[in-house]
Amino acid sequence: MNELLDGVNWLAVIVGFVVAFIIGAIWYSPKLFGAKWAEGVGVDINESSGPAIMPLVVQAVGTFLLSWLVGITAAANALLTILLIMLTIIVLMVAGGLFSQKSRYAIVTEASYVLVMVVVMIIVQGIF
């Protein structure tokens, strides 16, 4: 359990999480990549029911866990490990997207968002 907590810069973890989550809101907005992404995954973003709360909650939890993982690797001076983890996540996302027949645009949008999140989280770790 100590390896998950010792030396972790919690301020950097929280800031990285918040910044990455905000970037996600912008990333998937209709003004950036959201409209074409939604078309590629078969989601109607113009539906008037408002944002789906459960996917946002799950995304927030996943984003926090990723930020924590970046914090653990930073504390262990093992940032190359997080790059390998990020690459693994991206490859698995691409495979899942191909299996579910998402458009290439949607797959690239989702995978590149993970890349951007990790880069932002690493930068935040370096700043704090």
N, C-alpha and C. Protein backbone atom coordinates (compact mmCIF):
# COMPACT_ATOMS: atom_id res chain seq x y z
N MET A 1 0.82 -1.20 0.00
CA MET A 1 0.00 0.00 0.00
C MET A 1 0.86 1.26 0.00
N ASN A 2 2.05 1.17 0.62
CA ASN A 2 2.91 2.33 0.69
C ASN A 2 3.31 2.84 -0.69
N GLU A 3 3.50 1.94 -1.66
CA GLU A 3 3.92 2.37 -2.99
C GLU A 3 2.86 3.21 -3.68
N LEU A 4 1.60 3.10 -3.23
CA LEU A 4 0.52 3.88 -3.83
C LEU A 4 0.39 5.26 -3.20
N LEU A 5 1.04 5.46 -2.05
CA LEU A 5 0.86 6.72 -1.32
C LEU A 5 2.15 7.47 -1.06
N ASP A 6 3.25 6.78 -0.82
CA ASP A 6 4.50 7.42 -0.41
C ASP A 6 5.05 8.34 -1.49
N GLY A 7 5.28 9.57 -1.12
CA GLY A 7 5.92 10.53 -2.00
C GLY A 7 5.02 11.11 -3.07
N VAL A 8 3.76 10.71 -3.11
CA VAL A 8 2.85 11.22 -4.14
C VAL A 8 2.54 12.68 -3.83
N ASN A 9 2.69 13.52 -4.83
CA ASN A 9 2.38 14.94 -4.70
C ASN A 9 0.88 15.11 -4.98
N TRP A 10 0.10 15.13 -3.90
CA TRP A 10 -1.36 15.13 -4.05
C TRP A 10 -1.88 16.42 -4.67
N LEU A 11 -1.18 17.52 -4.43
CA LEU A 11 -1.60 18.77 -5.08
C LEU A 11 -1.47 18.64 -6.60
N ALA A 12 -0.36 18.07 -7.06
CA ALA A 12 -0.16 17.87 -8.49
C ALA A 12 -1.16 16.86 -9.05
N VAL A 13 -1.48 15.84 -8.28
CA VAL A 13 -2.48 14.85 -8.72
C VAL A 13 -3.83 15.53 -8.93
N ILE A 14 -4.24 16.35 -7.96
CA ILE A 14 -5.55 17.02 -8.04
C ILE A 14 -5.57 18.04 -9.18
N VAL A 15 -4.52 18.84 -9.26
CA VAL A 15 -4.46 19.85 -10.34
C VAL A 15 -4.43 19.16 -11.70
N GLY A 16 -3.64 18.10 -11.84
CA GLY A 16 -3.60 17.36 -13.10
C GLY A 16 -4.95 16.79 -13.46
N PHE A 17 -5.64 16.25 -12.47
CA PHE A 17 -6.99 15.70 -12.69
C PHE A 17 -7.94 16.80 -13.17
N VAL A 18 -7.97 17.92 -12.47
CA VAL A 18 -8.90 19.01 -12.81
C VAL A 18 -8.60 19.56 -14.20
N VAL A 19 -7.34 19.83 -14.48
CA VAL A 19 -6.97 20.38 -15.79
C VAL A 19 -7.32 19.39 -16.91
N ALA A 20 -7.00 18.12 -16.72
CA ALA A 20 -7.30 17.11 -17.74
C ALA A 20 -8.81 16.96 -17.95
N PHE A 21 -9.58 17.04 -16.88
CA PHE A 21 -11.03 16.91 -16.99
C PHE A 21 -11.62 18.10 -17.74
N ILE A 22 -11.10 19.29 -17.46
CA ILE A 22 -11.55 20.49 -18.17
C ILE A 22 -11.18 20.40 -19.65
N ILE A 23 -9.97 19.93 -19.93
CA ILE A 23 -9.57 19.74 -21.33
C ILE A 23 -10.53 18.78 -22.02
N GLY A 24 -10.96 17.74 -21.31
CA GLY A 24 -11.91 16.79 -21.88
C GLY A 24 -13.23 17.44 -22.25
N ALA A 25 -13.69 18.36 -21.40
CA ALA A 25 -14.94 19.06 -21.70
C ALA A 25 -14.79 19.90 -22.97
N ILE A 26 -13.63 20.50 -23.13
CA ILE A 26 -13.36 21.29 -24.33
C ILE A 26 -13.15 20.37 -25.53
N TRP A 27 -12.39 19.31 -25.32
CA TRP A 27 -12.03 18.35 -26.38
C TRP A 27 -13.27 17.78 -27.06
N TYR A 28 -14.24 17.38 -26.23
CA TYR A 28 -15.45 16.74 -26.75
C TYR A 28 -16.60 17.72 -26.97
N SER A 29 -16.31 19.02 -26.90
CA SER A 29 -17.36 20.01 -27.17
C SER A 29 -17.63 20.05 -28.68
N PRO A 30 -18.83 20.47 -29.06
CA PRO A 30 -19.15 20.55 -30.49
C PRO A 30 -18.22 21.50 -31.26
N LYS A 31 -17.63 22.46 -30.57
CA LYS A 31 -16.77 23.42 -31.24
C LYS A 31 -15.38 22.87 -31.54
N LEU A 32 -14.99 21.78 -30.87
CA LEU A 32 -13.68 21.20 -31.14
C LEU A 32 -13.89 19.88 -31.88
N PHE A 33 -13.83 18.75 -31.18
CA PHE A 33 -13.91 17.44 -31.84
C PHE A 33 -15.24 16.72 -31.60
N GLY A 34 -16.08 17.25 -30.73
CA GLY A 34 -17.27 16.55 -30.27
C GLY A 34 -18.27 16.16 -31.32
N ALA A 35 -18.58 17.06 -32.24
CA ALA A 35 -19.62 16.78 -33.22
C ALA A 35 -19.22 15.61 -34.14
N LYS A 36 -18.02 15.69 -34.68
CA LYS A 36 -17.58 14.62 -35.59
C LYS A 36 -17.31 13.33 -34.81
N TRP A 37 -16.81 13.45 -33.57
CA TRP A 37 -16.61 12.26 -32.72
C TRP A 37 -17.95 11.58 -32.48
N ALA A 38 -18.98 12.36 -32.10
CA ALA A 38 -20.30 11.80 -31.81
C ALA A 38 -20.87 11.06 -33.02
N GLU A 39 -20.67 11.64 -34.17
CA GLU A 39 -21.11 10.98 -35.41
C GLU A 39 -20.39 9.64 -35.59
N GLY A 40 -19.11 9.60 -35.24
CA GLY A 40 -18.31 8.40 -35.42
C GLY A 40 -18.60 7.30 -34.42
N VAL A 41 -19.26 7.65 -33.31
CA VAL A 41 -19.61 6.63 -32.32
C VAL A 41 -21.12 6.40 -32.25
N GLY A 42 -21.87 7.17 -33.03
CA GLY A 42 -23.32 6.98 -33.06
C GLY A 42 -24.06 7.61 -31.90
N VAL A 43 -23.54 8.74 -31.41
CA VAL A 43 -24.17 9.45 -30.29
C VAL A 43 -24.75 10.75 -30.82
N ASP A 44 -25.94 11.10 -30.35
CA ASP A 44 -26.56 12.36 -30.74
C ASP A 44 -26.28 13.39 -29.65
N ILE A 45 -25.33 14.29 -29.91
CA ILE A 45 -24.98 15.29 -28.88
C ILE A 45 -25.99 16.43 -28.83
N ASN A 46 -26.90 16.46 -29.77
CA ASN A 46 -27.93 17.50 -29.77
C ASN A 46 -29.18 17.07 -29.00
N GLU A 47 -29.14 15.87 -28.44
CA GLU A 47 -30.26 15.37 -27.66
C GLU A 47 -30.50 16.29 -26.48
N SER A 48 -31.73 16.67 -26.23
CA SER A 48 -32.05 17.69 -25.22
C SER A 48 -32.07 17.15 -23.79
N SER A 49 -31.74 15.90 -23.59
CA SER A 49 -31.80 15.34 -22.23
C SER A 49 -30.65 15.83 -21.35
N GLY A 50 -29.72 16.59 -21.92
CA GLY A 50 -28.59 17.11 -21.14
C GLY A 50 -27.49 16.07 -21.04
N PRO A 51 -26.41 16.44 -20.35
CA PRO A 51 -25.28 15.51 -20.25
C PRO A 51 -25.64 14.28 -19.42
N ALA A 52 -25.14 13.16 -19.85
CA ALA A 52 -25.35 11.92 -19.13
C ALA A 52 -24.44 11.92 -17.91
N ILE A 53 -25.02 11.87 -16.73
CA ILE A 53 -24.26 11.99 -15.49
C ILE A 53 -23.35 10.79 -15.26
N MET A 54 -23.84 9.58 -15.45
CA MET A 54 -23.03 8.40 -15.14
C MET A 54 -21.74 8.35 -15.96
N PRO A 55 -21.78 8.57 -17.28
CA PRO A 55 -20.51 8.58 -18.02
C PRO A 55 -19.55 9.66 -17.53
N LEU A 56 -20.06 10.81 -17.13
CA LEU A 56 -19.19 11.87 -16.61
C LEU A 56 -18.57 11.48 -15.27
N VAL A 57 -19.33 10.82 -14.43
CA VAL A 57 -18.81 10.35 -13.14
C VAL A 57 -17.72 9.31 -13.37
N VAL A 58 -17.98 8.36 -14.25
CA VAL A 58 -17.00 7.31 -14.53
C VAL A 58 -15.75 7.93 -15.16
N GLN A 59 -15.93 8.90 -16.07
CA GLN A 59 -14.79 9.58 -16.67
C GLN A 59 -13.99 10.32 -15.61
N ALA A 60 -14.66 10.97 -14.67
CA ALA A 60 -13.97 11.69 -13.60
C ALA A 60 -13.15 10.72 -12.74
N VAL A 61 -13.73 9.59 -12.39
CA VAL A 61 -13.01 8.59 -11.60
C VAL A 61 -11.79 8.09 -12.37
N GLY A 62 -11.96 7.75 -13.64
CA GLY A 62 -10.85 7.28 -14.46
C GLY A 62 -9.76 8.32 -14.62
N THR A 63 -10.15 9.57 -14.80
CA THR A 63 -9.18 10.66 -14.94
C THR A 63 -8.41 10.85 -13.64
N PHE A 64 -9.10 10.77 -12.50
CA PHE A 64 -8.41 10.88 -11.22
C PHE A 64 -7.42 9.72 -11.03
N LEU A 65 -7.86 8.51 -11.34
CA LEU A 65 -6.98 7.34 -11.19
C LEU A 65 -5.74 7.47 -12.08
N LEU A 66 -5.93 7.97 -13.30
CA LEU A 66 -4.80 8.17 -14.19
C LEU A 66 -3.85 9.23 -13.63
N SER A 67 -4.39 10.30 -13.10
CA SER A 67 -3.55 11.34 -12.50
C SER A 67 -2.80 10.80 -11.29
N TRP A 68 -3.44 9.99 -10.50
CA TRP A 68 -2.80 9.35 -9.35
C TRP A 68 -1.67 8.44 -9.82
N LEU A 69 -1.92 7.67 -10.86
CA LEU A 69 -0.91 6.78 -11.42
C LEU A 69 0.30 7.58 -11.92
N VAL A 70 0.04 8.70 -12.57
CA VAL A 70 1.14 9.57 -12.99
C VAL A 70 1.89 10.07 -11.76
N GLY A 71 1.16 10.41 -10.70
CA GLY A 71 1.80 10.86 -9.46
C GLY A 71 2.67 9.78 -8.82
N ILE A 72 2.20 8.54 -8.87
CA ILE A 72 2.98 7.42 -8.32
C ILE A 72 4.27 7.23 -9.12
N THR A 73 4.16 7.27 -10.45
CA THR A 73 5.36 7.08 -11.26
C THR A 73 6.32 8.26 -11.12
N ALA A 74 5.79 9.46 -10.93
CA ALA A 74 6.65 10.62 -10.70
C ALA A 74 7.38 10.48 -9.37
N ALA A 75 6.68 10.03 -8.33
CA ALA A 75 7.30 9.85 -7.01
C ALA A 75 8.38 8.78 -7.06
N ALA A 76 8.19 7.78 -7.90
CA ALA A 76 9.16 6.69 -8.02
C ALA A 76 10.23 6.99 -9.07
N ASN A 77 10.16 8.22 -9.64
CA ASN A 77 11.08 8.61 -10.70
C ASN A 77 11.05 7.58 -11.84
N ALA A 78 9.83 7.20 -12.22
CA ALA A 78 9.63 6.17 -13.26
C ALA A 78 8.65 6.67 -14.32
N LEU A 79 8.89 7.89 -14.81
CA LEU A 79 7.96 8.45 -15.78
C LEU A 79 7.93 7.69 -17.10
N LEU A 80 9.01 6.97 -17.43
CA LEU A 80 8.95 6.13 -18.63
C LEU A 80 7.91 5.02 -18.47
N THR A 81 7.68 4.61 -17.22
CA THR A 81 6.66 3.60 -16.96
C THR A 81 5.28 4.13 -17.32
N ILE A 82 5.00 5.39 -16.98
CA ILE A 82 3.68 5.93 -17.31
C ILE A 82 3.53 6.08 -18.82
N LEU A 83 4.62 6.34 -19.51
CA LEU A 83 4.53 6.40 -20.97
C LEU A 83 4.18 5.04 -21.56
N LEU A 84 4.77 3.98 -21.00
CA LEU A 84 4.43 2.62 -21.43
C LEU A 84 2.97 2.30 -21.10
N ILE A 85 2.53 2.69 -19.93
CA ILE A 85 1.13 2.46 -19.54
C ILE A 85 0.20 3.22 -20.48
N MET A 86 0.55 4.48 -20.79
CA MET A 86 -0.27 5.28 -21.68
C MET A 86 -0.34 4.64 -23.06
N LEU A 87 0.78 4.19 -23.56
CA LEU A 87 0.80 3.53 -24.86
C LEU A 87 -0.06 2.28 -24.85
N THR A 88 0.00 1.52 -23.77
CA THR A 88 -0.84 0.32 -23.63
C THR A 88 -2.31 0.68 -23.65
N ILE A 89 -2.69 1.70 -22.90
CA ILE A 89 -4.09 2.14 -22.86
C ILE A 89 -4.55 2.56 -24.25
N ILE A 90 -3.73 3.32 -24.94
CA ILE A 90 -4.09 3.80 -26.28
C ILE A 90 -4.27 2.64 -27.25
N VAL A 91 -3.35 1.69 -27.24
CA VAL A 91 -3.47 0.54 -28.14
C VAL A 91 -4.75 -0.24 -27.85
N LEU A 92 -5.05 -0.45 -26.58
CA LEU A 92 -6.28 -1.17 -26.22
C LEU A 92 -7.53 -0.38 -26.62
N MET A 93 -7.48 0.94 -26.48
CA MET A 93 -8.61 1.78 -26.91
C MET A 93 -8.81 1.67 -28.42
N VAL A 94 -7.72 1.70 -29.16
CA VAL A 94 -7.82 1.58 -30.62
C VAL A 94 -8.41 0.22 -30.99
N ALA A 95 -7.94 -0.83 -30.34
CA ALA A 95 -8.50 -2.16 -30.61
C ALA A 95 -9.99 -2.20 -30.31
N GLY A 96 -10.38 -1.66 -29.17
CA GLY A 96 -11.81 -1.63 -28.81
C GLY A 96 -12.62 -0.82 -29.81
N GLY A 97 -12.06 0.30 -30.25
CA GLY A 97 -12.74 1.12 -31.25
C GLY A 97 -12.90 0.40 -32.57
N LEU A 98 -11.88 -0.33 -32.96
CA LEU A 98 -11.97 -1.10 -34.21
C LEU A 98 -13.00 -2.22 -34.09
N PHE A 99 -13.00 -2.91 -32.96
CA PHE A 99 -13.98 -3.98 -32.76
C PHE A 99 -15.41 -3.44 -32.77
N SER A 100 -15.60 -2.28 -32.16
CA SER A 100 -16.96 -1.72 -32.09
C SER A 100 -17.31 -0.89 -33.32
N GLN A 101 -16.41 -0.87 -34.29
CA GLN A 101 -16.62 -0.22 -35.58
C GLN A 101 -16.85 1.28 -35.47
N LYS A 102 -16.12 1.91 -34.56
CA LYS A 102 -16.15 3.37 -34.49
C LYS A 102 -15.42 3.90 -35.72
N SER A 103 -15.70 5.14 -36.05
CA SER A 103 -14.97 5.74 -37.17
C SER A 103 -13.52 5.97 -36.77
N ARG A 104 -12.66 6.05 -37.77
CA ARG A 104 -11.25 6.32 -37.48
C ARG A 104 -11.10 7.65 -36.75
N TYR A 105 -11.91 8.62 -37.13
CA TYR A 105 -11.87 9.93 -36.48
C TYR A 105 -12.17 9.79 -34.99
N ALA A 106 -13.20 9.03 -34.66
CA ALA A 106 -13.57 8.83 -33.26
C ALA A 106 -12.45 8.13 -32.50
N ILE A 107 -11.86 7.13 -33.10
CA ILE A 107 -10.78 6.38 -32.45
C ILE A 107 -9.59 7.31 -32.18
N VAL A 108 -9.21 8.08 -33.19
CA VAL A 108 -8.08 9.01 -33.02
C VAL A 108 -8.41 10.08 -31.99
N THR A 109 -9.64 10.57 -31.99
CA THR A 109 -10.04 11.59 -31.01
C THR A 109 -9.92 11.05 -29.59
N GLU A 110 -10.41 9.86 -29.36
CA GLU A 110 -10.36 9.26 -28.02
C GLU A 110 -8.92 8.94 -27.60
N ALA A 111 -8.16 8.35 -28.49
CA ALA A 111 -6.78 7.97 -28.16
C ALA A 111 -5.90 9.20 -27.94
N SER A 112 -6.08 10.21 -28.77
CA SER A 112 -5.25 11.41 -28.60
C SER A 112 -5.61 12.16 -27.33
N TYR A 113 -6.85 12.06 -26.89
CA TYR A 113 -7.22 12.69 -25.61
C TYR A 113 -6.46 12.03 -24.46
N VAL A 114 -6.31 10.72 -24.49
CA VAL A 114 -5.53 10.04 -23.44
C VAL A 114 -4.09 10.54 -23.47
N LEU A 115 -3.53 10.65 -24.66
CA LEU A 115 -2.16 11.17 -24.80
C LEU A 115 -2.06 12.57 -24.20
N VAL A 116 -2.99 13.44 -24.55
CA VAL A 116 -2.97 14.81 -24.03
C VAL A 116 -3.12 14.81 -22.51
N MET A 117 -4.02 13.99 -21.98
CA MET A 117 -4.19 13.92 -20.52
C MET A 117 -2.89 13.57 -19.83
N VAL A 118 -2.22 12.54 -20.30
CA VAL A 118 -0.99 12.10 -19.65
C VAL A 118 0.10 13.16 -19.76
N VAL A 119 0.22 13.78 -20.92
CA VAL A 119 1.23 14.83 -21.09
C VAL A 119 0.95 15.98 -20.12
N VAL A 120 -0.30 16.40 -20.03
CA VAL A 120 -0.67 17.48 -19.11
C VAL A 120 -0.36 17.07 -17.67
N MET A 121 -0.70 15.86 -17.30
CA MET A 121 -0.46 15.40 -15.93
C MET A 121 1.03 15.33 -15.61
N ILE A 122 1.84 14.93 -16.58
CA ILE A 122 3.29 14.90 -16.37
C ILE A 122 3.82 16.32 -16.21
N ILE A 123 3.34 17.24 -17.03
CA ILE A 123 3.77 18.65 -16.92
C ILE A 123 3.40 19.20 -15.56
N VAL A 124 2.18 18.92 -15.11
CA VAL A 124 1.74 19.40 -13.79
C VAL A 124 2.62 18.82 -12.69
N GLN A 125 2.97 17.55 -12.80
CA GLN A 125 3.88 16.94 -11.80
C GLN A 125 5.22 17.69 -11.80
N GLY A 126 5.70 18.06 -12.97
CA GLY A 126 6.97 18.79 -13.05
C GLY A 126 6.89 20.19 -12.48
N ILE A 127 5.73 20.83 -12.62
CA ILE A 127 5.55 22.19 -12.09
C ILE A 127 5.46 22.18 -10.57
N PHE A 128 4.71 21.21 -10.04
CA PHE A 128 4.51 21.18 -8.59
C PHE A 128 5.54 20.30 -7.92
